[in-house]
């Protein structure tokens, strides 16, 4: 299976044509949030997402509220909100946890952790989609030696080892990849990256 992942589009449609071309090559699309700038023009963003012509799994970033994103997903033809829930096929499960920013500890994550553990154990291949990156990786280095990612997400990934973890938020690390144990970490940026599973 091939997934197109992207994040932090922020209404910058100079990447639209490139994303549209990549979308034709994949089975599924994943967006790790921040398609808008503070929620502005969200209807236009969803028109673009629907126009990609494939199932799009999305979480909200720090520029969209959970309520706003859910409303537009409910009205969408192709876009599915996976914050605190999951989407699965025969061999793959994709689960999401959106929002966040520079908070390193997220106590509310414990409310969905067990569900996500069950997802990982149930399928051969698992993809964890978050807006915030895991702590102390190549994906969360805001400045040289300054890590601003989530310690909560890092501990979850380290313990349960999903196949791939997709995140964004830190624009300085677009296209960065790393690993925590066997889990491949990816910040696909707004241009997107095709991930082979």
Protein backbone atom coordinates (compact mmCIF):
# COMPACT_ATOMS: atom_id res chain seq x y z
CA UNK A 1 0.00 0.00 0.00
CA UNK A 2 1.12 3.57 -0.72
CA UNK A 3 0.14 6.57 1.40
CA UNK A 4 0.55 10.24 0.58
CA UNK A 5 1.24 12.14 3.80
CA UNK A 6 1.39 15.93 4.16
CA UNK A 7 1.12 18.55 6.90
CA UNK A 8 1.20 22.31 7.52
CA UNK A 9 -0.25 23.39 4.19
CA UNK A 10 -1.46 26.63 5.83
CA UNK A 11 -3.50 27.65 2.76
CA UNK A 12 -0.34 27.70 0.63
CA UNK A 13 -1.76 26.28 -2.58
CA UNK A 14 1.52 26.60 -4.48
CA UNK A 15 1.90 22.94 -3.49
CA UNK A 16 -1.56 21.98 -4.76
CA UNK A 17 -0.53 20.74 -8.20
CA UNK A 18 2.30 18.65 -6.74
CA UNK A 19 -0.02 17.11 -4.13
CA UNK A 20 -2.67 16.40 -6.79
CA UNK A 21 -0.12 14.53 -8.93
CA UNK A 22 1.15 12.51 -5.97
CA UNK A 23 -2.44 11.72 -4.92
CA UNK A 24 -2.97 9.83 -8.19
CA UNK A 25 -0.12 7.45 -7.29
CA UNK A 26 -1.40 6.32 -3.87
CA UNK A 27 -4.16 4.33 -2.18
CA UNK A 28 -4.76 6.66 0.77
CA UNK A 29 -3.95 10.22 1.89
CA UNK A 30 -3.05 11.32 5.41
CA UNK A 31 -2.91 14.94 6.64
CA UNK A 32 -1.37 15.70 10.03
CA UNK A 33 -3.15 19.04 10.42
CA UNK A 34 -2.76 22.79 9.89
CA UNK A 35 -4.40 23.07 6.48
CA UNK A 36 -5.48 26.63 7.44
CA UNK A 37 -4.05 29.74 9.05
CA UNK A 38 -5.93 29.98 12.36
CA UNK A 39 -9.02 28.39 10.82
CA UNK A 40 -9.46 30.95 8.05
CA UNK A 41 -10.83 29.77 4.70
CA UNK A 42 -11.42 26.24 5.96
CA UNK A 43 -14.17 25.69 3.38
CA UNK A 44 -11.61 26.28 0.61
CA UNK A 45 -9.21 23.85 2.28
CA UNK A 46 -11.88 21.14 2.34
CA UNK A 47 -12.77 21.78 -1.28
CA UNK A 48 -9.12 21.12 -2.10
CA UNK A 49 -8.98 17.99 0.08
CA UNK A 50 -12.17 16.57 -1.41
CA UNK A 51 -10.83 17.33 -4.88
CA UNK A 52 -7.85 15.03 -4.38
CA UNK A 53 -10.23 12.19 -5.23
CA UNK A 54 -9.03 9.73 -2.57
CA UNK A 55 -9.92 8.99 1.05
CA UNK A 56 -8.16 11.62 3.20
CA UNK A 57 -7.56 10.87 6.89
CA UNK A 58 -6.95 14.02 8.90
CA UNK A 59 -6.29 15.34 12.40
CA UNK A 60 -6.48 18.99 13.41
CA UNK A 61 -3.34 21.01 13.97
CA UNK A 62 -2.81 23.90 16.33
CA UNK A 63 -4.42 26.24 13.75
CA UNK A 64 -7.76 24.40 13.73
CA UNK A 65 -10.07 23.45 16.56
CA UNK A 66 -11.27 19.91 17.04
CA UNK A 67 -14.89 21.09 16.73
CA UNK A 68 -14.28 22.99 13.50
CA UNK A 69 -12.41 20.12 11.86
CA UNK A 70 -15.04 17.56 12.85
CA UNK A 71 -17.84 19.74 11.44
CA UNK A 72 -16.19 20.06 8.04
CA UNK A 73 -15.22 16.39 7.94
CA UNK A 74 -18.84 15.39 8.67
CA UNK A 75 -19.92 17.44 5.65
CA UNK A 76 -17.13 16.16 3.41
CA UNK A 77 -17.29 13.49 0.75
CA UNK A 78 -13.74 12.13 1.11
CA UNK A 79 -12.25 13.49 4.35
CA UNK A 80 -12.42 11.47 7.57
CA UNK A 81 -11.52 12.94 10.99
CA UNK A 82 -9.38 10.42 12.90
CA UNK A 83 -8.56 12.40 16.05
CA UNK A 84 -8.81 9.96 18.99
CA UNK A 85 -10.02 7.21 16.68
CA UNK A 86 -8.86 5.06 13.78
CA UNK A 87 -9.43 3.89 10.22
CA UNK A 88 -8.61 0.35 9.14
CA UNK A 89 -8.34 -1.84 6.08
CA UNK A 90 -7.53 -5.56 5.91
CA UNK A 91 -3.83 -5.13 6.75
CA UNK A 92 -3.50 -1.54 7.94
CA UNK A 93 -4.73 0.65 10.77
CA UNK A 94 -4.25 4.43 10.88
CA UNK A 95 -4.95 6.20 14.16
CA UNK A 96 -4.73 9.87 14.99
CA UNK A 97 -4.22 12.38 17.75
CA UNK A 98 -4.43 16.00 16.69
CA UNK A 99 -3.93 19.43 18.15
CA UNK A 100 -1.08 20.30 20.40
CA UNK A 101 1.73 22.68 19.86
CA UNK A 102 4.68 23.02 22.15
CA UNK A 103 3.21 21.18 25.14
CA UNK A 104 5.60 18.37 26.05
CA UNK A 105 3.26 16.51 28.42
CA UNK A 106 -0.34 15.68 27.46
CA UNK A 107 -2.24 14.01 30.30
CA UNK A 108 -5.40 13.62 28.19
CA UNK A 109 -3.59 11.24 25.81
CA UNK A 110 -3.99 8.48 28.40
CA UNK A 111 -7.74 8.47 27.66
CA UNK A 112 -7.14 7.03 24.17
CA UNK A 113 -3.85 5.21 24.67
CA UNK A 114 -5.45 1.79 25.27
CA UNK A 115 -7.52 2.07 22.07
CA UNK A 116 -4.35 2.85 20.10
CA UNK A 117 -2.47 -0.06 21.69
CA UNK A 118 -5.27 -2.38 20.58
CA UNK A 119 -4.99 -0.96 17.06
CA UNK A 120 -1.26 -1.71 16.89
CA UNK A 121 -1.71 -5.24 18.20
CA UNK A 122 -4.55 -5.99 15.78
CA UNK A 123 -2.82 -5.21 12.48
CA UNK A 124 0.40 -6.07 10.70
CA UNK A 125 0.96 -2.42 9.77
CA UNK A 126 0.08 0.63 11.88
CA UNK A 127 0.39 4.36 11.19
CA UNK A 128 0.22 6.91 14.02
CA UNK A 129 -0.75 10.42 12.86
CA UNK A 130 -0.17 13.37 15.18
CA UNK A 131 0.30 17.07 14.64
CA UNK A 132 2.94 17.43 17.33
CA UNK A 133 6.23 15.58 16.78
CA UNK A 134 7.78 13.22 19.32
CA UNK A 135 10.42 14.69 21.62
CA UNK A 136 14.18 14.62 21.03
CA UNK A 137 14.16 13.50 17.41
CA UNK A 138 15.17 15.07 14.11
CA UNK A 139 11.51 16.11 13.74
CA UNK A 140 11.24 18.38 16.80
CA UNK A 141 14.51 20.33 16.73
CA UNK A 142 13.35 23.96 16.49
CA UNK A 143 16.89 25.29 16.80
CA UNK A 144 20.17 23.42 17.05
CA UNK A 145 19.96 21.36 20.21
CA UNK A 146 16.54 22.77 21.23
CA UNK A 147 13.88 20.04 21.17
CA UNK A 148 10.25 21.12 21.53
CA UNK A 149 8.29 17.93 20.80
CA UNK A 150 5.99 15.81 22.92
CA UNK A 151 7.49 13.55 25.57
CA UNK A 152 4.11 11.85 25.92
CA UNK A 153 4.05 10.83 22.24
CA UNK A 154 7.70 9.76 22.34
CA UNK A 155 7.05 7.39 25.25
CA UNK A 156 4.04 5.89 23.49
CA UNK A 157 5.99 5.29 20.27
CA UNK A 158 8.98 3.88 22.14
CA UNK A 159 6.80 1.45 24.10
CA UNK A 160 4.38 0.25 21.41
CA UNK A 161 6.31 0.67 18.15
CA UNK A 162 3.78 1.56 15.44
CA UNK A 163 5.18 0.94 11.97
CA UNK A 164 5.23 4.64 10.99
CA UNK A 165 4.59 7.87 12.92
CA UNK A 166 3.67 10.94 10.86
CA UNK A 167 3.77 14.43 12.38
CA UNK A 168 4.51 18.06 11.57
CA UNK A 169 4.17 21.41 13.35
CA UNK A 170 7.88 22.25 13.22
CA UNK A 171 8.39 23.92 9.85
CA UNK A 172 12.17 23.86 10.21
CA UNK A 173 12.07 20.05 9.98
CA UNK A 174 9.97 19.57 6.84
CA UNK A 175 11.09 16.35 5.12
CA UNK A 176 12.99 15.14 8.20
CA UNK A 177 12.95 11.45 9.03
CA UNK A 178 14.18 9.55 12.06
CA UNK A 179 13.47 6.39 14.07
CA UNK A 180 12.46 5.47 17.59
CA UNK A 181 13.26 1.79 17.83
CA UNK A 182 11.69 0.21 14.73
CA UNK A 183 9.17 3.03 14.21
CA UNK A 184 9.93 5.24 11.21
CA UNK A 185 9.23 8.92 11.93
CA UNK A 186 8.31 11.31 9.11
CA UNK A 187 7.56 15.03 8.84
CA UNK A 188 6.30 15.10 5.23
CA UNK A 189 5.87 18.90 5.08
CA UNK A 190 3.39 20.64 2.77
CA UNK A 191 4.86 19.16 -0.41
CA UNK A 192 3.98 15.69 0.86
CA UNK A 193 5.80 12.39 0.88
CA UNK A 194 4.74 9.03 -0.50
CA UNK A 195 5.21 6.28 2.07
CA UNK A 196 5.32 2.64 0.98
CA UNK A 197 3.90 0.20 3.53
